[in-house]
PDB file of N, CA and C in Angstrom:
ATOM      1  N   MET A   1      -4.994  19.279   4.291  1.00  0.00           N
ATOM      2  CA  MET A   1      -4.395  19.475   2.982  1.00  0.00           C
ATOM      3  C   MET A   1      -5.383  20.182   2.070  1.00  0.00           C
ATOM      4  N   ASN A   2      -4.875  20.998   1.242  1.00  0.00           N
ATOM      5  CA  ASN A   2      -5.715  21.728   0.289  1.00  0.00           C
ATOM      6  C   ASN A   2      -5.352  21.315  -1.129  1.00  0.00           C
ATOM      7  N   TYR A   3      -5.874  20.178  -1.533  1.00  0.00           N
ATOM      8  CA  TYR A   3      -5.635  19.704  -2.887  1.00  0.00           C
ATOM      9  C   TYR A   3      -6.728  20.228  -3.801  1.00  0.00           C
ATOM     10  N   LYS A   4      -6.365  20.375  -5.059  1.00  0.00           N
ATOM     11  CA  LYS A   4      -7.338  20.803  -6.057  1.00  0.00           C
ATOM     12  C   LYS A   4      -8.452  19.767  -6.123  1.00  0.00           C
ATOM     13  N   PRO A   5      -9.701  20.204  -6.026  1.00  0.00           N
ATOM     14  CA  PRO A   5     -10.817  19.241  -6.040  1.00  0.00           C
ATOM     15  C   PRO A   5     -10.764  18.308  -7.250  1.00  0.00           C
ATOM     16  N   TYR A   6     -10.984  17.041  -6.964  1.00  0.00           N
ATOM     17  CA  TYR A   6     -11.050  15.970  -7.946  1.00  0.00           C
ATOM     18  C   TYR A   6      -9.703  15.639  -8.605  1.00  0.00           C
ATOM     19  N   SER A   7      -8.623  16.183  -8.069  1.00  0.00           N
ATOM     20  CA  SER A   7      -7.299  15.797  -8.557  1.00  0.00           C
ATOM     21  C   SER A   7      -6.962  14.424  -7.988  1.00  0.00           C
ATOM     22  N   SER A   8      -5.926  13.792  -8.529  1.00  0.00           N
ATOM     23  CA  SER A   8      -5.549  12.466  -8.010  1.00  0.00           C
ATOM     24  C   SER A   8      -5.127  12.567  -6.546  1.00  0.00           C
ATOM     25  N   GLU A   9      -4.474  13.659  -6.161  1.00  0.00           N
ATOM     26  CA  GLU A   9      -4.089  13.851  -4.756  1.00  0.00           C
ATOM     27  C   GLU A   9      -5.325  13.967  -3.866  1.00  0.00           C
ATOM     28  N   TRP A  10      -6.316  14.691  -4.330  1.00  0.00           N
ATOM     29  CA  TRP A  10      -7.553  14.885  -3.582  1.00  0.00           C
ATOM     30  C   TRP A  10      -8.257  13.549  -3.356  1.00  0.00           C
ATOM     31  N   HIS A  11      -8.304  12.720  -4.421  1.00  0.00           N
ATOM     32  CA  HIS A  11      -8.939  11.408  -4.305  1.00  0.00           C
ATOM     33  C   HIS A  11      -8.181  10.504  -3.335  1.00  0.00           C
ATOM     34  N   ARG A  12      -6.849  10.482  -3.432  1.00  0.00           N
ATOM     35  CA  ARG A  12      -6.058   9.654  -2.509  1.00  0.00           C
ATOM     36  C   ARG A  12      -6.306  10.066  -1.074  1.00  0.00           C
ATOM     37  N   TYR A  13      -6.297  11.356  -0.826  1.00  0.00           N
ATOM     38  CA  TYR A  13      -6.533  11.872   0.525  1.00  0.00           C
ATOM     39  C   TYR A  13      -7.927  11.469   1.010  1.00  0.00           C
ATOM     40  N   ARG A  14      -8.911  11.618   0.138  1.00  0.00           N
ATOM     41  CA  ARG A  14     -10.283  11.284   0.497  1.00  0.00           C
ATOM     42  C   ARG A  14     -10.419   9.805   0.844  1.00  0.00           C
ATOM     43  N   TYR A  15      -9.812   8.916   0.032  1.00  0.00           N
ATOM     44  CA  TYR A  15      -9.891   7.475   0.290  1.00  0.00           C
ATOM     45  C   TYR A  15      -9.229   7.124   1.622  1.00  0.00           C
ATOM     46  N   LEU A  16      -8.069   7.707   1.875  1.00  0.00           N
ATOM     47  CA  LEU A  16      -7.376   7.436   3.126  1.00  0.00           C
ATOM     48  C   LEU A  16      -8.178   7.948   4.310  1.00  0.00           C
ATOM     49  N   LYS A  17      -8.740   9.149   4.174  1.00  0.00           N
ATOM     50  CA  LYS A  17      -9.553   9.723   5.241  1.00  0.00           C
ATOM     51  C   LYS A  17     -10.765   8.852   5.516  1.00  0.00           C
ATOM     52  N   GLU A  18     -11.437   8.389   4.475  1.00  0.00           N
ATOM     53  CA  GLU A  18     -12.614   7.550   4.653  1.00  0.00           C
ATOM     54  C   GLU A  18     -12.262   6.240   5.359  1.00  0.00           C
ATOM     55  N   ALA A  19     -11.147   5.646   4.983  1.00  0.00           N
ATOM     56  CA  ALA A  19     -10.736   4.398   5.624  1.00  0.00           C
ATOM     57  C   ALA A  19     -10.409   4.631   7.096  1.00  0.00           C
ATOM     58  N   LEU A  20      -9.659   5.678   7.379  1.00  0.00           N
ATOM     59  CA  LEU A  20      -9.328   5.972   8.783  1.00  0.00           C
ATOM     60  C   LEU A  20     -10.570   6.343   9.578  1.00  0.00           C
ATOM     61  N   ASP A  21     -11.459   7.096   8.965  1.00  0.00           N
ATOM     62  CA  ASP A  21     -12.707   7.448   9.647  1.00  0.00           C
ATOM     63  C   ASP A  21     -13.500   6.203  10.021  1.00  0.00           C
ATOM     64  N   MET A  22     -13.523   5.201   9.148  1.00  0.00           N
ATOM     65  CA  MET A  22     -14.250   3.966   9.450  1.00  0.00           C
ATOM     66  C   MET A  22     -13.645   3.271  10.660  1.00  0.00           C
ATOM     67  N   TYR A  23     -12.313   3.188  10.696  1.00  0.00           N
ATOM     68  CA  TYR A  23     -11.652   2.585  11.856  1.00  0.00           C
ATOM     69  C   TYR A  23     -12.012   3.344  13.132  1.00  0.00           C
ATOM     70  N   LEU A  24     -11.907   4.663  13.061  1.00  0.00           N
ATOM     71  CA  LEU A  24     -12.148   5.469  14.257  1.00  0.00           C
ATOM     72  C   LEU A  24     -13.616   5.454  14.658  1.00  0.00           C
ATOM     73  N   ASP A  25     -14.516   5.519  13.688  1.00  0.00           N
ATOM     74  CA  ASP A  25     -15.950   5.487  13.989  1.00  0.00           C
ATOM     75  C   ASP A  25     -16.375   4.158  14.605  1.00  0.00           C
ATOM     76  N   ASP A  26     -15.676   3.084  14.234  1.00  0.00           N
ATOM     77  CA  ASP A  26     -15.962   1.757  14.781  1.00  0.00           C
ATOM     78  C   ASP A  26     -15.210   1.500  16.088  1.00  0.00           C
ATOM     79  N   TYR A  27     -14.515   2.516  16.576  1.00  0.00           N
ATOM     80  CA  TYR A  27     -13.754   2.427  17.834  1.00  0.00           C
ATOM     81  C   TYR A  27     -12.746   1.285  17.833  1.00  0.00           C
ATOM     82  N   VAL A  28     -12.075   1.112  16.688  1.00  0.00           N
ATOM     83  CA  VAL A  28     -11.048   0.080  16.581  1.00  0.00           C
ATOM     84  C   VAL A  28      -9.829   0.537  17.370  1.00  0.00           C
ATOM     85  N   ASP A  29      -9.256  -0.388  18.124  1.00  0.00           N
ATOM     86  CA  ASP A  29      -8.074  -0.106  18.926  1.00  0.00           C
ATOM     87  C   ASP A  29      -6.921   0.387  18.044  1.00  0.00           C
ATOM     88  N   ASN A  30      -6.163   1.349  18.541  1.00  0.00           N
ATOM     89  CA  ASN A  30      -5.044   1.909  17.777  1.00  0.00           C
ATOM     90  C   ASN A  30      -4.042   0.841  17.370  1.00  0.00           C
ATOM     91  N   GLN A  31      -3.796  -0.128  18.248  1.00  0.00           N
ATOM     92  CA  GLN A  31      -2.857  -1.203  17.914  1.00  0.00           C
ATOM     93  C   GLN A  31      -3.349  -2.001  16.715  1.00  0.00           C
ATOM     94  N   THR A  32      -4.636  -2.203  16.605  1.00  0.00           N
ATOM     95  CA  THR A  32      -5.204  -2.920  15.464  1.00  0.00           C
ATOM     96  C   THR A  32      -5.039  -2.107  14.189  1.00  0.00           C
ATOM     97  N   ILE A  33      -5.251  -0.802  14.289  1.00  0.00           N
ATOM     98  CA  ILE A  33      -5.071   0.068  13.119  1.00  0.00           C
ATOM     99  C   ILE A  33      -3.633  -0.009  12.628  1.00  0.00           C
ATOM    100  N   VAL A  34      -2.691   0.113  13.555  1.00  0.00           N
ATOM    101  CA  VAL A  34      -1.271   0.051  13.192  1.00  0.00           C
ATOM    102  C   VAL A  34      -0.939  -1.320  12.614  1.00  0.00           C
ATOM    103  N   LYS A  35      -1.446  -2.390  13.249  1.00  0.00           N
ATOM    104  CA  LYS A  35      -1.188  -3.752  12.758  1.00  0.00           C
ATOM    105  C   LYS A  35      -1.721  -3.919  11.339  1.00  0.00           C
ATOM    106  N   ASP A  36      -2.919  -3.422  11.070  1.00  0.00           N
ATOM    107  CA  ASP A  36      -3.496  -3.539   9.730  1.00  0.00           C
ATOM    108  C   ASP A  36      -2.679  -2.766   8.696  1.00  0.00           C
ATOM    109  N   ILE A  37      -2.248  -1.554   9.054  1.00  0.00           N
ATOM    110  CA  ILE A  37      -1.423  -0.759   8.130  1.00  0.00           C
ATOM    111  C   ILE A  37      -0.119  -1.488   7.829  1.00  0.00           C
ATOM    112  N   LEU A  38       0.527  -1.996   8.873  1.00  0.00           N
ATOM    113  CA  LEU A  38       1.791  -2.717   8.672  1.00  0.00           C
ATOM    114  C   LEU A  38       1.588  -3.987   7.864  1.00  0.00           C
ATOM    115  N   ASP A  39       0.467  -4.668   8.068  1.00  0.00           N
ATOM    116  CA  ASP A  39       0.161  -5.872   7.310  1.00  0.00           C
ATOM    117  C   ASP A  39      -0.008  -5.556   5.823  1.00  0.00           C
ATOM    118  N   ILE A  40      -0.705  -4.471   5.535  1.00  0.00           N
ATOM    119  CA  ILE A  40      -0.903  -4.057   4.142  1.00  0.00           C
ATOM    120  C   ILE A  40       0.442  -3.709   3.495  1.00  0.00           C
ATOM    121  N   LEU A  41       1.269  -2.964   4.219  1.00  0.00           N
ATOM    122  CA  LEU A  41       2.580  -2.594   3.688  1.00  0.00           C
ATOM    123  C   LEU A  41       3.460  -3.822   3.484  1.00  0.00           C
ATOM    124  N   ASN A  42       3.415  -4.754   4.439  1.00  0.00           N
ATOM    125  CA  ASN A  42       4.209  -5.970   4.316  1.00  0.00           C
ATOM    126  C   ASN A  42       3.761  -6.795   3.112  1.00  0.00           C
ATOM    127  N   ASN A  43       2.447  -6.956   2.939  1.00  0.00           N
ATOM    128  CA  ASN A  43       1.943  -7.712   1.782  1.00  0.00           C
ATOM    129  C   ASN A  43       2.410  -7.093   0.475  1.00  0.00           C
ATOM    130  N   ARG A  44       2.398  -5.779   0.422  1.00  0.00           N
ATOM    131  CA  ARG A  44       2.854  -5.093  -0.795  1.00  0.00           C
ATOM    132  C   ARG A  44       4.349  -5.314  -1.015  1.00  0.00           C
ATOM    133  N   SER A  45       5.114  -5.280   0.056  1.00  0.00           N
ATOM    134  CA  SER A  45       6.559  -5.515  -0.043  1.00  0.00           C
ATOM    135  C   SER A  45       6.869  -6.925  -0.511  1.00  0.00           C
ATOM    136  N   VAL A  46       6.156  -7.896   0.048  1.00  0.00           N
ATOM    137  CA  VAL A  46       6.366  -9.291  -0.350  1.00  0.00           C
ATOM    138  C   VAL A  46       6.056  -9.462  -1.830  1.00  0.00           C
ATOM    139  N   LYS A  47       4.949  -8.893  -2.277  1.00  0.00           N
ATOM    140  CA  LYS A  47       4.567  -8.992  -3.688  1.00  0.00           C
ATOM    141  C   LYS A  47       5.622  -8.339  -4.584  1.00  0.00           C
ATOM    142  N   ALA A  48       6.101  -7.171  -4.189  1.00  0.00           N
ATOM    143  CA  ALA A  48       7.119  -6.474  -4.980  1.00  0.00           C
ATOM    144  C   ALA A  48       8.417  -7.272  -5.012  1.00  0.00           C
ATOM    145  N   HIS A  49       8.772  -7.882  -3.878  1.00  0.00           N
ATOM    146  CA  HIS A  49       9.996  -8.671  -3.834  1.00  0.00           C
ATOM    147  C   HIS A  49       9.902  -9.891  -4.738  1.00  0.00           C
ATOM    148  N   LYS A  50       8.742 -10.560  -4.734  1.00  0.00           N
ATOM    149  CA  LYS A  50       8.545 -11.717  -5.620  1.00  0.00           C
ATOM    150  C   LYS A  50       8.660 -11.298  -7.084  1.00  0.00           C
ATOM    151  N   GLU A  51       8.082 -10.153  -7.416  1.00  0.00           N
ATOM    152  CA  GLU A  51       8.164  -9.658  -8.795  1.00  0.00           C
ATOM    153  C   GLU A  51       9.612  -9.347  -9.162  1.00  0.00           C
ATOM    154  N   PHE A  52      10.353  -8.732  -8.227  1.00  0.00           N
ATOM    155  CA  PHE A  52      11.765  -8.442  -8.464  1.00  0.00           C
ATOM    156  C   PHE A  52      12.547  -9.727  -8.698  1.00  0.00           C
ATOM    157  N   GLU A  53      12.315 -10.734  -7.848  1.00  0.00           N
ATOM    158  CA  GLU A  53      13.037 -12.001  -7.996  1.00  0.00           C
ATOM    159  C   GLU A  53      12.766 -12.642  -9.351  1.00  0.00           C
ATOM    160  N   LYS A  54      11.509 -12.623  -9.772  1.00  0.00           N
ATOM    161  CA  LYS A  54      11.163 -13.219 -11.064  1.00  0.00           C
ATOM    162  C   LYS A  54      11.839 -12.460 -12.206  1.00  0.00           C
ATOM    163  N   THR A  55      11.783 -11.142 -12.144  1.00  0.00           N
ATOM    164  CA  THR A  55      12.419 -10.321 -13.180  1.00  0.00           C
ATOM    165  C   THR A  55      13.925 -10.526 -13.180  1.00  0.00           C
ATOM    166  N   ASN A  56      14.517 -10.578 -11.998  1.00  0.00           N
ATOM    167  CA  ASN A  56      15.957 -10.772 -11.877  1.00  0.00           C
ATOM    168  C   ASN A  56      16.363 -12.137 -12.428  1.00  0.00           C
ATOM    169  N   GLN A  57      15.558 -13.152 -12.155  1.00  0.00           N
ATOM    170  CA  GLN A  57      15.838 -14.490 -12.670  1.00  0.00           C
ATOM    171  C   GLN A  57      15.750 -14.515 -14.196  1.00  0.00           C
ATOM    172  N   LEU A  58      14.755 -13.855 -14.756  1.00  0.00           N
ATOM    173  CA  LEU A  58      14.618 -13.785 -16.207  1.00  0.00           C
ATOM    174  C   LEU A  58      15.809 -13.070 -16.826  1.00  0.00           C
ATOM    175  N   GLU A  59      16.212 -11.983 -16.204  1.00  0.00           N
ATOM    176  CA  GLU A  59      17.380 -11.228 -16.694  1.00  0.00           C
ATOM    177  C   GLU A  59      18.624 -12.101 -16.658  1.00  0.00           C
ATOM    178  N   TRP A  60      18.799 -12.851 -15.574  1.00  0.00           N
ATOM    179  CA  TRP A  60      19.949 -13.724 -15.457  1.00  0.00           C
ATOM    180  C   TRP A  60      19.941 -14.784 -16.566  1.00  0.00           C
ATOM    181  N   MET A  61      18.755 -15.353 -16.842  1.00  0.00           N
ATOM    182  CA  MET A  61      18.630 -16.371 -17.880  1.00  0.00           C
ATOM    183  C   MET A  61      18.965 -15.797 -19.245  1.00  0.00           C
ATOM    184  N   ILE A  62      18.577 -14.568 -19.508  1.00  0.00           N
ATOM    185  CA  ILE A  62      18.864 -13.926 -20.805  1.00  0.00           C
ATOM    186  C   ILE A  62      20.369 -13.710 -20.951  1.00  0.00           C
ATOM    187  N   TYR A  63      20.984 -13.186 -19.905  1.00  0.00           N
ATOM    188  CA  TYR A  63      22.428 -12.923 -19.978  1.00  0.00           C
ATOM    189  C   TYR A  63      23.240 -14.210 -20.049  1.00  0.00           C
ATOM    190  N   ARG A  64      22.752 -15.263 -19.423  1.00  0.00           N
ATOM    191  CA  ARG A  64      23.459 -16.534 -19.399  1.00  0.00           C
ATOM    192  C   ARG A  64      23.503 -17.166 -20.787  1.00  0.00           C
ATOM    193  N   ASN A  65      22.465 -16.964 -21.567  1.00  0.00           N
ATOM    194  CA  ASN A  65      22.393 -17.592 -22.899  1.00  0.00           C
ATOM    195  C   ASN A  65      22.952 -16.731 -23.951  1.00  0.00           C
TER     196      ASN A  65
END
């Protein structure tokens, strides 16, 4: 990718590259890499779902009263 240096896209790419490079440099098994990525995504989904439920419950309470 050719992102403008020091742009937010450039930084995101750099952080992701550095993280993947660490996994690869440490000879981490591909299955472990995939498992870790899926675990991170799942944790984020669970957190977002909890936030949605709380917001939805608050909205319901407001409309109910």
